[in-house]
Amino acid sequence: MLQKLAGTALFFSFGFASQSVQAAPTVPDGAGMSWPWALPFAGILLTIATGPLLFPKFWHRHYGKIAALWSALTLIPIILIYSLPIALDAFLRAMLTEYLGFIVLLFALFTVAGGIVVTGDLRGTPTTNVLILGLGTTMASVVGTTGAAMILIRPLIRANAARRDKMHTFVFFIFLVANIGGALTPLGDPPLFIGFLHGVDFLWTTRHLFSATLFVAGLVLAIFFVLDSWFYHRGGTPILSQTPVPKLRLHIRGSINLFLIGAIVAAVLVSGAWKPGISFAILGVEIELQNLVRDGLLLLVALASLALTPDEHREANGFSWEPIKEVVKLFAGIFICIIPVLAMLRAGANGPLAPLLALMSDGSGRPQPLAYFWMTGILSAFLDNAPTYLVFFNMAGGNPSELMGPLASTLTAISMGAVYLGAMTYIGNAPNFMIYAITTERGIPMPSFFGFIIWSTLFLLPVFALTAWIFLA
């Protein structure tokens, strides 16, 4: 009821303002704001972080209403203090220029990946597990962390069904496949796609994060192999150790979806390279033609996957629309609640966040990459890495030409922090909690929220500190 009332009120209010929006200022004045404007943004992220863990039944029934409430608490003060046209314009810009492309890509990758079924004679030996984790880490930058995780999590569960000590395998699966592996392209992880939507070249992250990602992934995989070998040989795998290992045979069903993934990559690449200079105004918000074409093609690819993939393939994967429904609703709220935060950041030294900006810069005002890495990373771990990336992208100036050029080390630090440290908690990246839900549903005990933080602090934090020292210091 609350969700419907909030949505109805905002709909009619925005409808009355639609005729005058083109003459209104494009954003609220961040210089005139103060820190309480950030409370809805902090509130929605806090409820996302705690809801599934502290009150799971209530959360899963009402998360859409909760997101709508925080959104209303953001937009209504903008209407009352600034004006209805300003609120509508800010809302439309957030939805049409940032949220729409982001969610359409996630939807396409989620739908297509859900139609790929991997089966075979997989045995959960340390070598096999490393190969699966390595494959998933490599795939993540092509099909996305969500896509790679959904394709490989069930084969990994089946491969390790006979093992008693296997919790660590899925913890490291979250580390590598759901996070670190997505660092090389905008397709890999949501924060990098946000950067792509804001003008960062498609292959920029590949060129600038390849060495660091290879270093991090290789080191974490090596740690996993040592740890998994110890568990495997300490007597926790009697069934596996007493029977011969069969010849490895893999079968992939739904292979048409592999070609559709190629179509997704092509659509994103074309939108980045093709600049016809044509745009369309929707209530005063300019939408570029290449972005409309890209989003339309991605939707067509998703529909093609649904039409061409037999239903039994998705059933074999335990495919459900619930995860993407949750992402659609929650990220709509996040992108609305972040509007005042971005406005305050755009105000720079004249805004209320000037002290934070000062901490992130040296005496001459130049950004400090290490500070950006740790601040982006820590907040990505406990909030969500996509909006966190957007906050620090704007804090560093928000100019893609400067961030890819003179400030390349700063954008590298922001990208590394957002992607890598999203692995520090279950809530750092969307696939993390999806993997937790799937494994616990299959009867595999997983660490608690704070238990997972102990695992990531022990095994990841030293790797990240070493990586930052080598590549950013």
Protein backbone atom coordinates (compact mmCIF):
# COMPACT_ATOMS: atom_id res chain seq x y z
CA MET A 1 0.00 0.00 0.00
CA LEU A 2 2.79 2.41 0.94
CA GLN A 3 4.60 1.72 -2.33
CA LYS A 4 1.43 2.39 -4.35
CA LEU A 5 0.61 5.62 -2.49
CA ALA A 6 4.14 6.98 -2.88
CA GLY A 7 4.26 6.04 -6.54
CA THR A 8 0.82 7.51 -7.26
CA ALA A 9 1.59 10.80 -5.54
CA LEU A 10 4.88 11.20 -7.38
CA PHE A 11 3.28 10.23 -10.70
CA PHE A 12 0.56 12.89 -10.51
CA SER A 13 2.95 15.51 -9.17
CA PHE A 14 5.40 14.86 -12.00
CA GLY A 15 2.56 14.81 -14.50
CA PHE A 16 1.53 18.36 -13.58
CA ALA A 17 5.15 19.50 -13.90
CA SER A 18 5.82 17.91 -17.29
CA GLN A 19 4.83 20.98 -19.28
CA SER A 20 7.33 23.29 -17.60
CA VAL A 21 10.29 21.00 -17.06
CA GLN A 22 12.24 22.15 -20.12
CA ALA A 23 12.65 25.64 -18.65
CA ALA A 24 13.70 24.39 -15.23
CA PRO A 25 17.28 24.10 -13.92
CA THR A 26 18.66 20.66 -14.64
CA VAL A 27 19.77 19.71 -11.12
CA PRO A 28 19.22 20.86 -7.53
CA ASP A 29 21.81 23.33 -6.25
CA GLY A 30 24.29 21.18 -4.36
CA ALA A 31 26.08 24.19 -2.88
CA GLY A 32 22.95 25.07 -0.91
CA MET A 33 22.50 21.58 0.51
CA SER A 34 23.78 20.08 3.76
CA TRP A 35 24.57 16.56 4.95
CA PRO A 36 20.96 15.56 5.88
CA TRP A 37 20.20 15.41 2.15
CA ALA A 38 22.35 12.26 2.05
CA LEU A 39 20.28 10.46 4.70
CA PRO A 40 17.87 8.71 2.27
CA PHE A 41 20.85 7.43 0.28
CA ALA A 42 22.52 6.15 3.45
CA GLY A 43 19.17 4.76 4.58
CA ILE A 44 18.43 2.71 1.49
CA LEU A 45 21.95 1.27 1.44
CA LEU A 46 21.74 0.45 5.15
CA THR A 47 18.44 -1.37 4.72
CA ILE A 48 19.82 -3.27 1.73
CA ALA A 49 22.79 -4.27 3.86
CA THR A 50 20.86 -5.35 6.95
CA GLY A 51 17.40 -6.32 5.68
CA PRO A 52 18.21 -9.76 4.21
CA LEU A 53 20.14 -10.68 7.34
CA LEU A 54 18.19 -9.12 10.24
CA PHE A 55 14.59 -9.47 9.02
CA PRO A 56 14.73 -11.71 5.93
CA LYS A 57 11.03 -12.64 5.63
CA PHE A 58 9.82 -9.03 5.93
CA TRP A 59 12.57 -7.85 3.58
CA HIS A 60 11.81 -10.30 0.79
CA ARG A 61 8.11 -9.45 0.92
CA HIS A 62 8.47 -5.67 1.09
CA TYR A 63 11.85 -4.60 -0.33
CA GLY A 64 10.11 -2.79 -3.20
CA LYS A 65 8.01 -0.77 -0.76
CA ILE A 66 11.09 0.07 1.29
CA ALA A 67 12.92 1.31 -1.83
CA ALA A 68 9.85 3.37 -2.82
CA LEU A 69 9.73 4.94 0.64
CA TRP A 70 13.38 6.03 0.56
CA SER A 71 12.85 7.36 -2.99
CA ALA A 72 9.87 9.42 -1.84
CA LEU A 73 11.91 10.80 1.08
CA THR A 74 14.45 12.00 -1.49
CA LEU A 75 12.12 13.49 -4.10
CA ILE A 76 9.47 15.13 -1.91
CA PRO A 77 11.98 17.48 -0.16
CA ILE A 78 13.35 18.46 -3.59
CA ILE A 79 9.80 19.30 -4.67
CA LEU A 80 9.08 21.29 -1.50
CA ILE A 81 12.38 23.17 -1.21
CA TYR A 82 13.28 23.64 -4.89
CA SER A 83 10.40 23.00 -7.26
CA LEU A 84 8.38 20.30 -8.96
CA PRO A 85 10.06 20.84 -12.36
CA ILE A 86 13.54 20.53 -10.81
CA ALA A 87 12.56 17.29 -9.07
CA LEU A 88 11.07 15.84 -12.25
CA ASP A 89 14.09 16.81 -14.32
CA ALA A 90 16.52 15.28 -11.80
CA PHE A 91 14.38 12.13 -11.63
CA LEU A 92 14.21 11.73 -15.42
CA ARG A 93 17.94 12.30 -15.86
CA ALA A 94 18.75 9.66 -13.25
CA MET A 95 16.34 7.14 -14.76
CA LEU A 96 16.88 7.75 -18.48
CA THR A 97 20.58 8.57 -18.70
CA GLU A 98 22.00 6.36 -15.93
CA TYR A 99 19.60 3.71 -14.61
CA LEU A 100 17.99 2.55 -17.87
CA GLY A 101 21.14 1.47 -19.70
CA PHE A 102 22.55 -0.09 -16.53
CA ILE A 103 19.50 -2.24 -15.82
CA VAL A 104 18.89 -3.26 -19.44
CA LEU A 105 22.43 -4.68 -19.68
CA LEU A 106 22.05 -6.59 -16.41
CA PHE A 107 18.69 -7.95 -17.56
CA ALA A 108 20.11 -9.13 -20.89
CA LEU A 109 23.14 -10.82 -19.32
CA PHE A 110 21.03 -12.44 -16.60
CA THR A 111 18.49 -13.77 -19.10
CA VAL A 112 21.02 -15.11 -21.61
CA ALA A 113 23.32 -16.66 -18.99
CA GLY A 114 20.34 -18.39 -17.40
CA GLY A 115 19.85 -20.43 -20.56
CA ILE A 116 23.35 -21.97 -20.54
CA VAL A 117 23.58 -25.34 -18.74
CA VAL A 118 27.00 -26.85 -17.97
CA THR A 119 27.07 -30.54 -17.00
CA GLY A 120 29.66 -33.30 -17.04
CA ASP A 121 31.87 -35.63 -15.00
CA LEU A 122 33.21 -32.97 -12.66
CA ARG A 123 34.99 -34.11 -9.50
CA GLY A 124 35.75 -31.63 -6.77
CA THR A 125 39.51 -32.14 -6.64
CA PRO A 126 41.73 -29.10 -5.99
CA THR A 127 42.76 -29.06 -9.64
CA THR A 128 39.17 -29.21 -10.91
CA ASN A 129 38.05 -26.52 -8.48
CA VAL A 130 40.89 -24.21 -9.53
CA LEU A 131 39.99 -24.77 -13.17
CA ILE A 132 36.33 -23.90 -12.54
CA LEU A 133 37.21 -20.80 -10.51
CA GLY A 134 39.79 -19.76 -13.10
CA LEU A 135 37.29 -20.26 -15.92
CA GLY A 136 34.66 -18.24 -14.08
CA THR A 137 37.15 -15.46 -13.33
CA THR A 138 38.02 -15.26 -17.02
CA MET A 139 34.37 -15.41 -18.12
CA ALA A 140 33.26 -12.68 -15.71
CA SER A 141 34.58 -9.80 -17.82
CA VAL A 142 32.74 -11.16 -20.88
CA VAL A 143 29.38 -12.34 -19.54
CA GLY A 144 29.39 -10.28 -16.36
CA THR A 145 29.96 -11.38 -12.77
CA THR A 146 26.27 -12.25 -12.46
CA GLY A 147 26.29 -14.27 -15.69
CA ALA A 148 29.49 -16.17 -14.88
CA ALA A 149 28.33 -16.91 -11.35
CA MET A 150 24.93 -18.19 -12.48
CA ILE A 151 26.48 -20.40 -15.19
CA LEU A 152 29.08 -22.07 -12.96
CA ILE A 153 27.71 -22.11 -9.41
CA ARG A 154 25.56 -25.22 -9.92
CA PRO A 155 28.28 -27.28 -11.71
CA LEU A 156 30.61 -26.36 -8.84
CA ILE A 157 28.02 -27.51 -6.29
CA ARG A 158 27.57 -30.82 -8.11
CA ALA A 159 31.32 -31.34 -8.42
CA ASN A 160 31.83 -30.94 -4.67
CA ALA A 161 28.72 -32.81 -3.52
CA ALA A 162 30.77 -35.68 -2.01
CA ARG A 163 33.16 -33.45 -0.11
CA ARG A 164 32.66 -32.62 3.55
CA ASP A 165 34.92 -29.55 3.66
CA LYS A 166 33.69 -27.33 0.86
CA MET A 167 32.45 -24.05 2.32
CA HIS A 168 35.74 -22.35 1.47
CA THR A 169 35.30 -23.23 -2.21
CA PHE A 170 32.16 -21.10 -2.48
CA VAL A 171 33.68 -18.29 -0.44
CA PHE A 172 36.53 -18.08 -2.95
CA PHE A 173 34.01 -18.44 -5.80
CA ILE A 174 32.45 -15.20 -4.52
CA PHE A 175 35.88 -13.58 -4.27
CA LEU A 176 36.96 -14.44 -7.81
CA VAL A 177 33.99 -15.08 -10.07
CA ALA A 178 31.50 -12.65 -8.55
CA ASN A 179 33.97 -9.80 -8.13
CA ILE A 180 37.65 -9.79 -9.12
CA GLY A 181 37.09 -11.40 -12.52
CA GLY A 182 34.77 -8.61 -13.65
CA ALA A 183 37.43 -5.90 -13.60
CA LEU A 184 38.41 -5.82 -17.28
CA THR A 185 35.38 -4.57 -19.23
CA PRO A 186 32.17 -2.60 -18.63
CA LEU A 187 30.31 -5.88 -19.16
CA GLY A 188 32.09 -7.41 -16.19
CA ASP A 189 30.87 -5.43 -13.22
CA PRO A 190 28.11 -2.83 -12.78
CA PRO A 191 30.40 0.03 -11.61
CA LEU A 192 32.49 -0.23 -14.77
CA PHE A 193 29.37 -0.07 -16.92
CA ILE A 194 28.37 3.06 -15.02
CA GLY A 195 31.74 4.51 -16.03
CA PHE A 196 31.12 3.46 -19.65
CA LEU A 197 27.76 5.24 -19.61
CA HIS A 198 29.58 8.35 -18.38
CA GLY A 199 32.11 8.34 -21.23
CA VAL A 200 34.89 5.92 -20.23
CA ASP A 201 36.14 3.99 -23.30
CA PHE A 202 35.12 0.32 -23.44
CA LEU A 203 38.70 -1.01 -23.47
CA TRP A 204 40.14 1.56 -21.06
CA THR A 205 39.75 -0.71 -18.05
CA THR A 206 41.22 -3.64 -19.98
CA ARG A 207 44.39 -1.67 -20.69
CA HIS A 208 44.77 -0.12 -17.26
CA LEU A 209 43.59 -2.92 -14.94
CA PHE A 210 44.86 -6.00 -16.78
CA SER A 211 48.18 -6.35 -14.94
CA ALA A 212 46.69 -5.65 -11.52
CA THR A 213 43.77 -8.02 -12.11
CA LEU A 214 46.08 -10.78 -13.34
CA PHE A 215 48.20 -10.30 -10.22
CA VAL A 216 45.23 -10.31 -7.81
CA ALA A 217 43.40 -13.22 -9.46
CA GLY A 218 46.57 -15.31 -9.75
CA LEU A 219 47.51 -14.75 -6.11
CA VAL A 220 44.01 -15.48 -4.80
CA LEU A 221 43.76 -18.63 -6.97
CA ALA A 222 47.13 -19.80 -5.62
CA ILE A 223 45.95 -19.24 -2.04
CA PHE A 224 42.78 -21.17 -2.79
CA PHE A 225 44.70 -24.10 -4.31
CA VAL A 226 46.90 -24.41 -1.22
CA LEU A 227 43.89 -24.16 1.12
CA ASP A 228 41.73 -26.57 -0.91
CA SER A 229 44.58 -29.08 -1.17
CA TRP A 230 44.98 -29.01 2.60
CA PHE A 231 41.26 -29.66 3.15
CA TYR A 232 41.25 -32.34 0.45
CA HIS A 233 44.21 -34.31 1.82
CA ARG A 234 43.46 -34.02 5.54
CA GLY A 235 40.85 -36.79 5.24
CA GLY A 236 37.79 -34.78 4.29
CA THR A 237 37.25 -36.52 0.94
CA PRO A 238 37.21 -40.31 1.47
CA ILE A 239 34.75 -40.98 -1.34
CA LEU A 240 36.71 -39.00 -3.86
CA SER A 241 40.09 -40.32 -2.80
CA GLN A 242 39.11 -43.99 -2.95
CA THR A 243 37.69 -44.01 -6.47
CA PRO A 244 39.49 -43.36 -9.75
CA VAL A 245 38.99 -39.98 -11.32
CA PRO A 246 37.12 -40.39 -14.62
CA LYS A 247 38.08 -38.64 -17.80
CA LEU A 248 36.76 -35.10 -17.74
CA ARG A 249 33.75 -34.64 -20.02
CA LEU A 250 31.83 -31.38 -20.19
CA HIS A 251 28.53 -30.80 -21.93
CA ILE A 252 27.03 -27.40 -22.68
CA ARG A 253 23.34 -27.11 -23.45
CA GLY A 254 21.68 -23.93 -24.63
CA SER A 255 24.72 -23.08 -26.74
CA ILE A 256 22.67 -20.61 -28.81
CA ASN A 257 23.07 -18.31 -25.83
CA LEU A 258 26.83 -18.20 -26.39
CA PHE A 259 26.16 -16.49 -29.72
CA LEU A 260 23.66 -14.19 -28.03
CA ILE A 261 26.33 -13.16 -25.51
CA GLY A 262 28.45 -12.21 -28.52
CA ALA A 263 25.54 -10.09 -29.72
CA ILE A 264 25.42 -8.32 -26.34
CA VAL A 265 29.14 -7.53 -26.54
CA ALA A 266 28.72 -6.27 -30.11
CA ALA A 267 25.79 -4.02 -29.14
CA VAL A 268 27.75 -2.41 -26.31
CA LEU A 269 30.87 -1.96 -28.48
CA VAL A 270 28.86 -0.37 -31.28
CA SER A 271 27.22 2.09 -28.88
CA GLY A 272 30.65 3.16 -27.69
CA ALA A 273 32.16 3.59 -31.16
CA TRP A 274 29.17 4.89 -33.16
CA LYS A 275 28.51 8.59 -32.48
CA PRO A 276 25.94 9.84 -35.01
CA GLY A 277 25.37 13.07 -33.13
CA ILE A 278 21.59 12.49 -33.04
CA SER A 279 19.59 12.78 -29.85
CA PHE A 280 15.98 12.91 -28.75
CA ALA A 281 14.47 15.04 -25.98
CA ILE A 282 12.15 13.30 -23.52
CA LEU A 283 10.64 15.99 -21.29
CA GLY A 284 13.81 18.03 -21.68
CA VAL A 285 16.27 15.16 -21.16
CA GLU A 286 18.51 14.42 -24.14
CA ILE A 287 18.85 10.72 -25.02
CA GLU A 288 21.49 9.87 -27.64
CA LEU A 289 20.49 7.64 -30.53
CA GLN A 290 23.29 5.12 -30.03
CA ASN A 291 22.13 4.49 -26.47
CA LEU A 292 18.54 3.92 -27.56
CA VAL A 293 19.71 1.52 -30.27
CA ARG A 294 21.95 -0.36 -27.80
CA ASP A 295 19.20 -0.79 -25.22
CA GLY A 296 16.72 -1.88 -27.89
CA LEU A 297 19.15 -4.48 -29.23
CA LEU A 298 19.86 -5.80 -25.74
CA LEU A 299 16.15 -6.27 -25.08
CA LEU A 300 15.77 -8.08 -28.41
CA VAL A 301 18.68 -10.38 -27.50
CA ALA A 302 17.03 -11.21 -24.17
CA LEU A 303 13.72 -11.96 -25.89
CA ALA A 304 15.54 -14.12 -28.45
CA SER A 305 17.12 -16.11 -25.62
CA LEU A 306 13.72 -16.73 -24.06
CA ALA A 307 12.28 -17.82 -27.40
CA LEU A 308 15.17 -20.02 -28.53
CA THR A 309 16.11 -21.72 -25.25
CA PRO A 310 14.06 -24.78 -24.20
CA ASP A 311 12.35 -24.29 -20.86
CA GLU A 312 14.03 -27.39 -19.41
CA HIS A 313 17.43 -25.70 -19.72
CA ARG A 314 16.38 -22.88 -17.40
CA GLU A 315 14.66 -25.37 -15.12
CA ALA A 316 17.92 -27.35 -14.88
CA ASN A 317 19.63 -24.15 -13.75
CA GLY A 318 16.92 -23.42 -11.19
CA PHE A 319 16.31 -20.18 -13.09
CA SER A 320 14.07 -17.62 -11.40
CA TRP A 321 13.15 -14.02 -12.17
CA GLU A 322 13.23 -13.03 -8.51
CA PRO A 323 16.92 -11.98 -8.39
CA ILE A 324 16.59 -9.58 -11.33
CA LYS A 325 13.28 -8.24 -9.98
CA GLU A 326 15.04 -7.39 -6.74
CA VAL A 327 17.90 -5.68 -8.60
CA VAL A 328 15.45 -3.66 -10.75
CA LYS A 329 13.52 -2.31 -7.75
CA LEU A 330 16.42 -1.70 -5.40
CA PHE A 331 18.67 -0.02 -7.96
CA ALA A 332 15.83 2.26 -9.05
CA GLY A 333 15.69 3.44 -5.46
CA ILE A 334 19.46 3.78 -5.24
CA PHE A 335 19.69 5.88 -8.40
CA ILE A 336 16.96 8.20 -7.10
CA CYS A 337 18.37 8.53 -3.58
CA ILE A 338 21.84 9.35 -4.91
CA ILE A 339 20.57 12.50 -6.71
CA PRO A 340 21.28 14.93 -3.81
CA VAL A 341 24.64 13.28 -3.07
CA LEU A 342 25.80 13.80 -6.64
CA ALA A 343 24.55 17.39 -6.58
CA MET A 344 26.64 18.07 -3.46
CA LEU A 345 29.68 16.48 -5.06
CA ARG A 346 29.27 18.57 -8.21
CA ALA A 347 29.40 21.68 -6.03
CA GLY A 348 33.02 20.79 -5.23
CA ALA A 349 34.79 23.15 -2.85
CA ASN A 350 31.59 25.21 -2.55
CA GLY A 351 29.53 22.27 -1.35
CA PRO A 352 29.05 20.57 2.02
CA LEU A 353 31.33 17.67 1.06
CA ALA A 354 34.37 19.93 0.61
CA PRO A 355 36.16 18.47 3.71
CA LEU A 356 35.87 14.96 2.23
CA LEU A 357 37.24 16.21 -1.08
CA ALA A 358 40.18 17.75 0.76
CA LEU A 359 41.03 14.42 2.39
CA MET A 360 41.17 12.78 -1.02
CA SER A 361 43.58 15.33 -2.51
CA ASP A 362 47.09 16.60 -1.90
CA GLY A 363 48.05 20.18 -1.04
CA SER A 364 47.62 21.32 -4.65
CA GLY A 365 44.16 19.78 -4.93
CA ARG A 366 45.30 16.84 -7.08
CA PRO A 367 43.52 13.51 -6.32
CA GLN A 368 45.49 10.89 -4.40
CA PRO A 369 45.01 7.44 -6.03
CA LEU A 370 45.67 5.43 -2.87
CA ALA A 371 43.08 7.43 -0.95
CA TYR A 372 40.56 6.92 -3.72
CA PHE A 373 41.30 3.17 -3.84
CA TRP A 374 40.73 2.60 -0.13
CA MET A 375 37.76 4.95 0.26
CA THR A 376 36.01 3.59 -2.83
CA GLY A 377 36.83 0.03 -1.78
CA ILE A 378 35.72 0.30 1.84
CA LEU A 379 32.40 1.91 0.91
CA SER A 380 31.91 -0.58 -1.94
CA ALA A 381 32.29 -3.42 0.54
CA PHE A 382 29.59 -2.15 2.89
CA LEU A 383 27.29 -0.31 0.51
CA ASP A 384 27.10 -1.30 -3.17
CA ASN A 385 29.92 -0.84 -5.62
CA ALA A 386 27.92 0.68 -8.51
CA PRO A 387 26.64 3.82 -6.70
CA THR A 388 29.92 4.06 -4.79
CA TYR A 389 31.85 4.16 -8.07
CA LEU A 390 29.52 6.90 -9.32
CA VAL A 391 30.04 8.97 -6.16
CA PHE A 392 33.83 8.86 -6.37
CA PHE A 393 33.84 9.26 -10.16
CA ASN A 394 32.06 12.58 -9.61
CA MET A 395 34.22 13.43 -6.62
CA ALA A 396 37.29 13.15 -8.86
CA GLY A 397 35.76 15.68 -11.26
CA GLY A 398 33.43 13.51 -13.35
CA ASN A 399 35.19 14.49 -16.60
CA PRO A 400 35.93 11.24 -18.51
CA SER A 401 38.57 12.87 -20.74
CA GLU A 402 40.59 14.05 -17.73
CA LEU A 403 40.06 10.83 -15.79
CA MET A 404 41.26 8.72 -18.73
CA GLY A 405 44.16 11.10 -19.37
CA PRO A 406 46.01 13.16 -16.74
CA LEU A 407 44.06 11.54 -13.89
CA ALA A 408 44.24 7.96 -15.22
CA SER A 409 45.79 6.69 -12.00
CA THR A 410 42.81 8.07 -10.05
CA LEU A 411 40.25 6.37 -12.30
CA THR A 412 42.31 3.17 -12.08
CA ALA A 413 42.18 3.39 -8.29
CA ILE A 414 38.42 4.01 -8.27
CA SER A 415 37.81 1.08 -10.63
CA MET A 416 40.07 -1.29 -8.68
CA GLY A 417 38.54 -0.31 -5.35
CA ALA A 418 34.94 -0.67 -6.54
CA VAL A 419 35.45 -4.05 -8.22
CA TYR A 420 38.00 -5.77 -5.98
CA LEU A 421 36.71 -4.75 -2.56
CA GLY A 422 33.14 -5.58 -3.51
CA ALA A 423 34.30 -9.07 -2.51
CA MET A 424 34.82 -8.12 1.12
CA THR A 425 31.19 -8.65 2.21
CA TYR A 426 28.02 -10.36 0.99
CA ILE A 427 26.52 -6.97 0.11
CA GLY A 428 29.44 -5.53 -1.83
CA ASN A 429 28.16 -6.79 -5.21
CA ALA A 430 24.81 -8.15 -6.36
CA PRO A 431 25.98 -11.74 -7.19
CA ASN A 432 27.53 -12.24 -3.74
CA PHE A 433 24.25 -12.67 -1.92
CA MET A 434 22.74 -14.59 -4.85
CA ILE A 435 25.51 -17.19 -4.48
CA TYR A 436 24.97 -17.27 -0.71
CA ALA A 437 21.24 -17.90 -1.25
CA ILE A 438 21.80 -20.70 -3.79
CA THR A 439 24.42 -22.54 -1.72
CA THR A 440 22.49 -22.37 1.53
CA GLU A 441 19.36 -23.55 -0.31
CA ARG A 442 21.38 -26.62 -1.40
CA GLY A 443 22.31 -27.35 2.22
CA ILE A 444 25.89 -26.01 2.09
CA PRO A 445 26.72 -24.10 5.29
CA MET A 446 28.12 -20.66 4.55
CA PRO A 447 29.74 -18.11 6.88
CA SER A 448 27.52 -15.56 8.57
CA PHE A 449 27.72 -11.92 7.48
CA PHE A 450 30.54 -11.20 9.91
CA GLY A 451 32.08 -14.62 9.41
CA PHE A 452 32.44 -13.86 5.72
CA ILE A 453 34.18 -10.58 6.61
CA ILE A 454 36.69 -12.58 8.67
CA TRP A 455 37.40 -14.79 5.63
CA SER A 456 37.83 -11.81 3.29
CA THR A 457 39.94 -9.88 5.80
CA LEU A 458 42.24 -12.85 6.31
CA PHE A 459 42.70 -13.86 2.66
CA LEU A 460 41.87 -10.78 0.55
CA LEU A 461 42.90 -7.70 2.50
CA PRO A 462 46.66 -8.49 2.45
CA VAL A 463 46.43 -9.18 -1.31
CA PHE A 464 44.65 -5.86 -1.92
CA ALA A 465 47.13 -3.95 0.23
CA LEU A 466 50.05 -5.45 -1.70
CA THR A 467 48.33 -4.72 -5.02
CA ALA A 468 47.70 -1.08 -4.09
CA TRP A 469 51.31 -0.65 -3.01
CA ILE A 470 52.66 -2.14 -6.25
CA PHE A 471 50.28 -0.57 -8.78
CA LEU A 472 49.14 2.70 -7.18
CA ALA A 473 51.77 3.93 -4.72
